[in-house]
Amino acid sequence: MDSLLVIVLIGLAGGIAVGVQAPLSSIISQRLGALESVFIVHVGGAIAALIPLAFLGWGKLSQWRVLPWYALVAGAFGLVVIFSMTYMIPRVGVATALIILLSGQLLVGSILDHFGLLGAAQRPMDWMRVIGLAVVFFGVWLSVK
């Protein structure tokens, strides 16, 4: 099992990536349009993934058919994320857009954890988690006020 430090550092790296990627996507969206931004970001991501895959012999890519059908819509959700951020940033700013996005992630993550859906470890909702979510949503309210 990974150490907690490694998990936290990887999580921070992901958060930093979202924090930087969102305003960059917003620049593309403001200058070219939302659909164009989503397209450019996904092509860039596909190329960034293609290069190491090519050098590593394509990994397990040929086994994509063993995935459940609903896993294949993950890319479509990526479109929603990019579009929502490019829409929000010019209107409410980067920090507020990120906290709104994060609150949605925490809400759905808590539901997935509670029921153990989509491969999540089952962690039932308790009062501490409900209070934590309430604090986050209060923070969203303060941020957009």
N, C-alpha and C. Protein backbone atom coordinates (compact mmCIF):
# COMPACT_ATOMS: atom_id res chain seq x y z
N MET A 1 0.84 -1.19 0.00
CA MET A 1 0.00 0.00 0.00
C MET A 1 0.88 1.24 0.00
N ASP A 2 0.47 2.24 -0.76
CA ASP A 2 1.23 3.48 -0.82
C ASP A 2 1.20 4.19 0.52
N SER A 3 2.29 4.89 0.81
CA SER A 3 2.31 5.67 2.05
C SER A 3 1.36 6.85 1.91
N LEU A 4 0.90 7.34 3.04
CA LEU A 4 -0.02 8.47 3.04
C LEU A 4 0.64 9.69 2.39
N LEU A 5 1.94 9.88 2.60
CA LEU A 5 2.64 11.01 2.01
C LEU A 5 2.59 10.95 0.49
N VAL A 6 2.82 9.78 -0.09
CA VAL A 6 2.78 9.62 -1.55
C VAL A 6 1.37 9.92 -2.06
N ILE A 7 0.37 9.41 -1.36
CA ILE A 7 -1.02 9.64 -1.76
C ILE A 7 -1.34 11.13 -1.74
N VAL A 8 -0.94 11.82 -0.67
CA VAL A 8 -1.21 13.25 -0.54
C VAL A 8 -0.47 14.03 -1.62
N LEU A 9 0.79 13.69 -1.89
CA LEU A 9 1.56 14.41 -2.90
C LEU A 9 0.97 14.22 -4.30
N ILE A 10 0.54 13.01 -4.61
CA ILE A 10 -0.09 12.76 -5.90
C ILE A 10 -1.41 13.52 -5.99
N GLY A 11 -2.16 13.54 -4.91
CA GLY A 11 -3.41 14.31 -4.88
C GLY A 11 -3.16 15.80 -5.06
N LEU A 12 -2.13 16.32 -4.41
CA LEU A 12 -1.79 17.74 -4.57
C LEU A 12 -1.37 18.04 -6.01
N ALA A 13 -0.61 17.13 -6.61
CA ALA A 13 -0.21 17.32 -8.00
C ALA A 13 -1.43 17.37 -8.91
N GLY A 14 -2.41 16.49 -8.67
CA GLY A 14 -3.64 16.51 -9.44
C GLY A 14 -4.41 17.81 -9.25
N GLY A 15 -4.47 18.27 -8.01
CA GLY A 15 -5.15 19.53 -7.73
C GLY A 15 -4.46 20.71 -8.38
N ILE A 16 -3.15 20.71 -8.35
CA ILE A 16 -2.38 21.78 -9.01
C ILE A 16 -2.64 21.73 -10.51
N ALA A 17 -2.68 20.52 -11.08
CA ALA A 17 -2.94 20.38 -12.51
C ALA A 17 -4.32 20.94 -12.88
N VAL A 18 -5.32 20.63 -12.07
CA VAL A 18 -6.66 21.17 -12.34
C VAL A 18 -6.65 22.69 -12.21
N GLY A 19 -5.96 23.18 -11.18
CA GLY A 19 -5.91 24.62 -10.95
C GLY A 19 -5.24 25.39 -12.06
N VAL A 20 -4.27 24.77 -12.74
CA VAL A 20 -3.59 25.43 -13.86
C VAL A 20 -4.33 25.16 -15.17
N GLN A 21 -4.81 23.94 -15.34
CA GLN A 21 -5.49 23.57 -16.58
C GLN A 21 -6.77 24.37 -16.79
N ALA A 22 -7.50 24.62 -15.73
CA ALA A 22 -8.78 25.33 -15.85
C ALA A 22 -8.63 26.72 -16.46
N PRO A 23 -7.74 27.57 -15.94
CA PRO A 23 -7.64 28.89 -16.58
C PRO A 23 -7.05 28.83 -17.99
N LEU A 24 -6.17 27.86 -18.26
CA LEU A 24 -5.66 27.71 -19.62
C LEU A 24 -6.79 27.34 -20.58
N SER A 25 -7.65 26.42 -20.15
CA SER A 25 -8.81 26.05 -20.97
C SER A 25 -9.74 27.24 -21.16
N SER A 26 -9.86 28.04 -20.13
CA SER A 26 -10.72 29.22 -20.21
C SER A 26 -10.19 30.22 -21.24
N ILE A 27 -8.88 30.36 -21.31
CA ILE A 27 -8.28 31.24 -22.33
C ILE A 27 -8.66 30.76 -23.73
N ILE A 28 -8.52 29.45 -23.95
CA ILE A 28 -8.88 28.89 -25.25
C ILE A 28 -10.35 29.13 -25.54
N SER A 29 -11.19 28.89 -24.55
CA SER A 29 -12.63 29.05 -24.72
C SER A 29 -13.02 30.49 -25.03
N GLN A 30 -12.40 31.44 -24.34
CA GLN A 30 -12.73 32.84 -24.56
C GLN A 30 -12.31 33.31 -25.95
N ARG A 31 -11.23 32.76 -26.46
CA ARG A 31 -10.73 33.20 -27.76
C ARG A 31 -11.30 32.42 -28.94
N LEU A 32 -11.60 31.12 -28.71
CA LEU A 32 -12.06 30.28 -29.82
C LEU A 32 -13.47 29.75 -29.64
N GLY A 33 -13.89 29.51 -28.40
CA GLY A 33 -15.20 28.93 -28.12
C GLY A 33 -15.08 27.73 -27.21
N ALA A 34 -16.19 27.37 -26.58
CA ALA A 34 -16.19 26.29 -25.60
C ALA A 34 -15.92 24.92 -26.23
N LEU A 35 -16.59 24.61 -27.31
CA LEU A 35 -16.38 23.30 -27.96
C LEU A 35 -14.96 23.19 -28.50
N GLU A 36 -14.45 24.28 -29.02
CA GLU A 36 -13.08 24.27 -29.54
C GLU A 36 -12.09 24.03 -28.40
N SER A 37 -12.36 24.64 -27.25
CA SER A 37 -11.50 24.45 -26.08
C SER A 37 -11.49 22.99 -25.64
N VAL A 38 -12.68 22.42 -25.53
CA VAL A 38 -12.79 21.01 -25.13
C VAL A 38 -12.03 20.13 -26.11
N PHE A 39 -12.18 20.39 -27.39
CA PHE A 39 -11.51 19.60 -28.42
C PHE A 39 -9.99 19.71 -28.29
N ILE A 40 -9.50 20.94 -28.20
CA ILE A 40 -8.04 21.16 -28.11
C ILE A 40 -7.46 20.51 -26.86
N VAL A 41 -8.14 20.67 -25.74
CA VAL A 41 -7.65 20.08 -24.49
C VAL A 41 -7.60 18.56 -24.59
N HIS A 42 -8.63 17.95 -25.15
CA HIS A 42 -8.64 16.49 -25.26
C HIS A 42 -7.64 15.98 -26.29
N VAL A 43 -7.45 16.69 -27.38
CA VAL A 43 -6.43 16.28 -28.35
C VAL A 43 -5.04 16.38 -27.70
N GLY A 44 -4.82 17.47 -26.97
CA GLY A 44 -3.54 17.62 -26.27
C GLY A 44 -3.31 16.50 -25.26
N GLY A 45 -4.37 16.15 -24.52
CA GLY A 45 -4.26 15.05 -23.57
C GLY A 45 -4.04 13.71 -24.25
N ALA A 46 -4.72 13.51 -25.39
CA ALA A 46 -4.55 12.26 -26.14
C ALA A 46 -3.11 12.13 -26.64
N ILE A 47 -2.56 13.22 -27.14
CA ILE A 47 -1.17 13.18 -27.62
C ILE A 47 -0.21 12.94 -26.45
N ALA A 48 -0.48 13.59 -25.31
CA ALA A 48 0.38 13.41 -24.14
C ALA A 48 0.34 11.96 -23.64
N ALA A 49 -0.79 11.29 -23.78
CA ALA A 49 -0.89 9.89 -23.38
C ALA A 49 -0.35 8.96 -24.46
N LEU A 50 -0.50 9.35 -25.72
CA LEU A 50 -0.08 8.52 -26.85
C LEU A 50 1.44 8.30 -26.86
N ILE A 51 2.19 9.33 -26.55
CA ILE A 51 3.65 9.25 -26.63
C ILE A 51 4.20 8.18 -25.69
N PRO A 52 3.91 8.22 -24.38
CA PRO A 52 4.45 7.15 -23.54
C PRO A 52 3.85 5.79 -23.86
N LEU A 53 2.56 5.75 -24.27
CA LEU A 53 1.98 4.46 -24.65
C LEU A 53 2.74 3.84 -25.81
N ALA A 54 3.10 4.64 -26.79
CA ALA A 54 3.84 4.13 -27.95
C ALA A 54 5.18 3.57 -27.53
N PHE A 55 5.86 4.26 -26.61
CA PHE A 55 7.17 3.79 -26.16
C PHE A 55 7.07 2.56 -25.26
N LEU A 56 5.93 2.38 -24.61
CA LEU A 56 5.75 1.25 -23.69
C LEU A 56 5.03 0.08 -24.33
N GLY A 57 4.93 0.09 -25.66
CA GLY A 57 4.32 -1.05 -26.35
C GLY A 57 2.81 -1.10 -26.22
N TRP A 58 2.17 0.02 -26.00
CA TRP A 58 0.71 0.18 -25.94
C TRP A 58 0.07 -0.41 -24.70
N GLY A 59 0.85 -0.96 -23.78
CA GLY A 59 0.29 -1.43 -22.50
C GLY A 59 -0.87 -2.38 -22.71
N LYS A 60 -1.94 -2.15 -21.97
CA LYS A 60 -3.13 -2.99 -22.06
C LYS A 60 -4.23 -2.35 -22.89
N LEU A 61 -3.89 -1.39 -23.71
CA LEU A 61 -4.88 -0.65 -24.49
C LEU A 61 -5.75 -1.56 -25.34
N SER A 62 -5.18 -2.64 -25.84
CA SER A 62 -5.95 -3.55 -26.70
C SER A 62 -7.04 -4.28 -25.93
N GLN A 63 -7.01 -4.23 -24.62
CA GLN A 63 -8.01 -4.92 -23.81
C GLN A 63 -9.18 -4.01 -23.43
N TRP A 64 -9.35 -2.89 -24.10
CA TRP A 64 -10.39 -1.94 -23.76
C TRP A 64 -11.78 -2.55 -23.80
N ARG A 65 -11.96 -3.62 -24.55
CA ARG A 65 -13.28 -4.24 -24.68
C ARG A 65 -13.75 -4.92 -23.40
N VAL A 66 -12.84 -5.18 -22.46
CA VAL A 66 -13.24 -5.82 -21.21
C VAL A 66 -13.84 -4.82 -20.22
N LEU A 67 -13.77 -3.56 -20.54
CA LEU A 67 -14.31 -2.53 -19.65
C LEU A 67 -15.83 -2.54 -19.70
N PRO A 68 -16.48 -2.23 -18.59
CA PRO A 68 -17.93 -2.08 -18.66
C PRO A 68 -18.27 -0.87 -19.54
N TRP A 69 -19.37 -0.94 -20.24
CA TRP A 69 -19.74 0.11 -21.20
C TRP A 69 -19.76 1.48 -20.57
N TYR A 70 -20.21 1.56 -19.32
CA TYR A 70 -20.35 2.87 -18.70
C TYR A 70 -19.01 3.52 -18.36
N ALA A 71 -17.94 2.73 -18.30
CA ALA A 71 -16.61 3.31 -18.06
C ALA A 71 -16.14 4.12 -19.27
N LEU A 72 -16.68 3.80 -20.43
CA LEU A 72 -16.26 4.48 -21.65
C LEU A 72 -16.82 5.90 -21.77
N VAL A 73 -17.74 6.28 -20.90
CA VAL A 73 -18.27 7.64 -20.95
C VAL A 73 -17.45 8.61 -20.09
N ALA A 74 -16.35 8.13 -19.51
CA ALA A 74 -15.51 9.00 -18.68
C ALA A 74 -15.02 10.21 -19.47
N GLY A 75 -14.68 10.02 -20.72
CA GLY A 75 -14.23 11.14 -21.55
C GLY A 75 -15.31 12.20 -21.72
N ALA A 76 -16.56 11.76 -21.82
CA ALA A 76 -17.66 12.72 -21.94
C ALA A 76 -17.78 13.55 -20.66
N PHE A 77 -17.55 12.94 -19.52
CA PHE A 77 -17.57 13.71 -18.27
C PHE A 77 -16.42 14.71 -18.24
N GLY A 78 -15.30 14.34 -18.86
CA GLY A 78 -14.19 15.29 -18.97
C GLY A 78 -14.60 16.52 -19.77
N LEU A 79 -15.43 16.30 -20.77
CA LEU A 79 -15.94 17.43 -21.55
C LEU A 79 -16.77 18.37 -20.68
N VAL A 80 -17.58 17.78 -19.82
CA VAL A 80 -18.42 18.58 -18.92
C VAL A 80 -17.54 19.38 -17.96
N VAL A 81 -16.49 18.75 -17.44
CA VAL A 81 -15.59 19.44 -16.52
C VAL A 81 -14.94 20.64 -17.21
N ILE A 82 -14.39 20.41 -18.37
CA ILE A 82 -13.69 21.49 -19.08
C ILE A 82 -14.67 22.59 -19.45
N PHE A 83 -15.83 22.21 -19.97
CA PHE A 83 -16.81 23.23 -20.35
C PHE A 83 -17.25 24.04 -19.13
N SER A 84 -17.55 23.36 -18.03
CA SER A 84 -18.05 24.08 -16.86
C SER A 84 -16.99 25.05 -16.32
N MET A 85 -15.73 24.63 -16.33
CA MET A 85 -14.68 25.52 -15.84
C MET A 85 -14.47 26.70 -16.79
N THR A 86 -14.48 26.44 -18.08
CA THR A 86 -14.28 27.55 -19.02
C THR A 86 -15.45 28.52 -18.97
N TYR A 87 -16.63 28.04 -18.62
CA TYR A 87 -17.78 28.91 -18.47
C TYR A 87 -17.70 29.73 -17.18
N MET A 88 -17.32 29.09 -16.08
CA MET A 88 -17.34 29.75 -14.78
C MET A 88 -16.20 30.75 -14.57
N ILE A 89 -15.00 30.42 -15.02
CA ILE A 89 -13.82 31.24 -14.69
C ILE A 89 -13.97 32.71 -15.06
N PRO A 90 -14.39 33.04 -16.28
CA PRO A 90 -14.52 34.48 -16.58
C PRO A 90 -15.65 35.16 -15.80
N ARG A 91 -16.55 34.37 -15.25
CA ARG A 91 -17.70 34.94 -14.55
C ARG A 91 -17.50 35.06 -13.05
N VAL A 92 -16.80 34.09 -12.44
CA VAL A 92 -16.65 34.10 -10.98
C VAL A 92 -15.20 34.02 -10.52
N GLY A 93 -14.26 33.81 -11.44
CA GLY A 93 -12.85 33.68 -11.07
C GLY A 93 -12.42 32.24 -10.88
N VAL A 94 -11.12 32.03 -10.87
CA VAL A 94 -10.56 30.68 -10.80
C VAL A 94 -10.86 30.02 -9.46
N ALA A 95 -10.59 30.72 -8.35
CA ALA A 95 -10.77 30.11 -7.03
C ALA A 95 -12.22 29.72 -6.78
N THR A 96 -13.14 30.60 -7.11
CA THR A 96 -14.56 30.29 -6.90
C THR A 96 -15.00 29.16 -7.81
N ALA A 97 -14.56 29.17 -9.06
CA ALA A 97 -14.90 28.08 -9.97
C ALA A 97 -14.38 26.75 -9.44
N LEU A 98 -13.16 26.75 -8.92
CA LEU A 98 -12.59 25.51 -8.38
C LEU A 98 -13.34 25.02 -7.16
N ILE A 99 -13.75 25.94 -6.27
CA ILE A 99 -14.46 25.49 -5.07
C ILE A 99 -15.85 24.96 -5.43
N ILE A 100 -16.48 25.55 -6.45
CA ILE A 100 -17.77 25.02 -6.90
C ILE A 100 -17.58 23.62 -7.48
N LEU A 101 -16.57 23.47 -8.34
CA LEU A 101 -16.27 22.17 -8.92
C LEU A 101 -15.94 21.15 -7.83
N LEU A 102 -15.11 21.55 -6.88
CA LEU A 102 -14.73 20.65 -5.79
C LEU A 102 -15.93 20.23 -4.96
N SER A 103 -16.85 21.16 -4.72
CA SER A 103 -18.03 20.80 -3.92
C SER A 103 -18.86 19.74 -4.63
N GLY A 104 -18.98 19.86 -5.95
CA GLY A 104 -19.69 18.83 -6.71
C GLY A 104 -18.97 17.49 -6.64
N GLN A 105 -17.64 17.53 -6.71
CA GLN A 105 -16.85 16.30 -6.60
C GLN A 105 -17.04 15.64 -5.24
N LEU A 106 -17.01 16.46 -4.19
CA LEU A 106 -17.18 15.92 -2.84
C LEU A 106 -18.57 15.33 -2.63
N LEU A 107 -19.57 15.99 -3.18
CA LEU A 107 -20.93 15.48 -3.04
C LEU A 107 -21.08 14.12 -3.72
N VAL A 108 -20.69 14.04 -4.99
CA VAL A 108 -20.83 12.77 -5.70
C VAL A 108 -19.89 11.71 -5.13
N GLY A 109 -18.70 12.13 -4.71
CA GLY A 109 -17.77 11.18 -4.08
C GLY A 109 -18.33 10.59 -2.80
N SER A 110 -19.00 11.41 -2.01
CA SER A 110 -19.61 10.93 -0.77
C SER A 110 -20.73 9.93 -1.05
N ILE A 111 -21.50 10.20 -2.10
CA ILE A 111 -22.57 9.27 -2.47
C ILE A 111 -21.98 7.95 -2.97
N LEU A 112 -20.96 8.05 -3.83
CA LEU A 112 -20.32 6.83 -4.34
C LEU A 112 -19.70 6.02 -3.20
N ASP A 113 -19.04 6.70 -2.27
CA ASP A 113 -18.46 6.02 -1.10
C ASP A 113 -19.54 5.36 -0.25
N HIS A 114 -20.61 6.09 0.01
CA HIS A 114 -21.67 5.57 0.89
C HIS A 114 -22.22 4.25 0.37
N PHE A 115 -22.45 4.19 -0.93
CA PHE A 115 -23.04 2.99 -1.51
C PHE A 115 -22.01 2.04 -2.12
N GLY A 116 -20.73 2.44 -2.13
CA GLY A 116 -19.69 1.59 -2.72
C GLY A 116 -19.86 1.43 -4.23
N LEU A 117 -20.29 2.49 -4.89
CA LEU A 117 -20.56 2.42 -6.34
C LEU A 117 -19.31 2.68 -7.17
N LEU A 118 -19.32 2.16 -8.38
CA LEU A 118 -18.26 2.37 -9.38
C LEU A 118 -16.87 2.00 -8.83
N GLY A 119 -16.80 0.98 -8.03
CA GLY A 119 -15.52 0.49 -7.52
C GLY A 119 -14.99 1.23 -6.30
N ALA A 120 -15.77 2.15 -5.75
CA ALA A 120 -15.32 2.89 -4.56
C ALA A 120 -15.39 1.99 -3.34
N ALA A 121 -14.45 2.18 -2.43
CA ALA A 121 -14.51 1.49 -1.15
C ALA A 121 -15.73 2.02 -0.40
N GLN A 122 -16.53 1.12 0.16
CA GLN A 122 -17.74 1.57 0.84
C GLN A 122 -17.38 2.20 2.18
N ARG A 123 -17.77 3.45 2.32
CA ARG A 123 -17.59 4.21 3.55
C ARG A 123 -18.89 4.91 3.84
N PRO A 124 -19.68 4.34 4.74
CA PRO A 124 -21.01 4.91 5.00
C PRO A 124 -20.94 6.37 5.44
N MET A 125 -21.95 7.12 5.03
CA MET A 125 -22.06 8.53 5.41
C MET A 125 -22.34 8.59 6.91
N ASP A 126 -21.59 9.40 7.61
CA ASP A 126 -21.86 9.62 9.03
C ASP A 126 -22.01 11.12 9.25
N TRP A 127 -22.33 11.49 10.46
CA TRP A 127 -22.59 12.90 10.75
C TRP A 127 -21.38 13.78 10.53
N MET A 128 -20.19 13.27 10.77
CA MET A 128 -18.98 14.07 10.56
C MET A 128 -18.81 14.42 9.08
N ARG A 129 -19.09 13.47 8.21
CA ARG A 129 -18.99 13.73 6.77
C ARG A 129 -20.09 14.69 6.32
N VAL A 130 -21.28 14.55 6.88
CA VAL A 130 -22.37 15.47 6.54
C VAL A 130 -21.99 16.88 6.97
N ILE A 131 -21.43 17.02 8.17
CA ILE A 131 -21.01 18.34 8.64
C ILE A 131 -19.90 18.89 7.74
N GLY A 132 -18.95 18.04 7.35
CA GLY A 132 -17.88 18.46 6.46
C GLY A 132 -18.42 18.97 5.13
N LEU A 133 -19.39 18.26 4.56
CA LEU A 133 -20.02 18.70 3.31
C LEU A 133 -20.75 20.03 3.51
N ALA A 134 -21.42 20.16 4.64
CA ALA A 134 -22.13 21.42 4.92
C ALA A 134 -21.15 22.58 5.00
N VAL A 135 -19.99 22.35 5.62
CA VAL A 135 -18.97 23.40 5.71
C VAL A 135 -18.49 23.78 4.31
N VAL A 136 -18.26 22.78 3.46
CA VAL A 136 -17.81 23.05 2.08
C VAL A 136 -18.87 23.86 1.34
N PHE A 137 -20.14 23.46 1.44
CA PHE A 137 -21.19 24.19 0.74
C PHE A 137 -21.38 25.60 1.30
N PHE A 138 -21.14 25.76 2.60
CA PHE A 138 -21.16 27.10 3.17
C PHE A 138 -20.01 27.92 2.56
N GLY A 139 -18.86 27.29 2.38
CA GLY A 139 -17.73 27.96 1.73
C GLY A 139 -18.05 28.36 0.31
N VAL A 140 -18.76 27.51 -0.41
CA VAL A 140 -19.19 27.86 -1.77
C VAL A 140 -20.09 29.09 -1.72
N TRP A 141 -21.04 29.07 -0.81
CA TRP A 141 -21.97 30.19 -0.68
C TRP A 141 -21.20 31.48 -0.38
N LEU A 142 -20.24 31.41 0.56
CA LEU A 142 -19.43 32.60 0.88
C LEU A 142 -18.62 33.06 -0.33
N SER A 143 -18.12 32.11 -1.10
CA SER A 143 -17.26 32.43 -2.23
C SER A 143 -18.03 33.11 -3.37
N VAL A 144 -19.26 32.68 -3.61
CA VAL A 144 -20.02 33.26 -4.71
C VAL A 144 -20.83 34.47 -4.30
N LYS A 145 -20.95 34.71 -3.00
CA LYS A 145 -21.74 35.84 -2.48
C LYS A 145 -21.15 37.17 -2.87
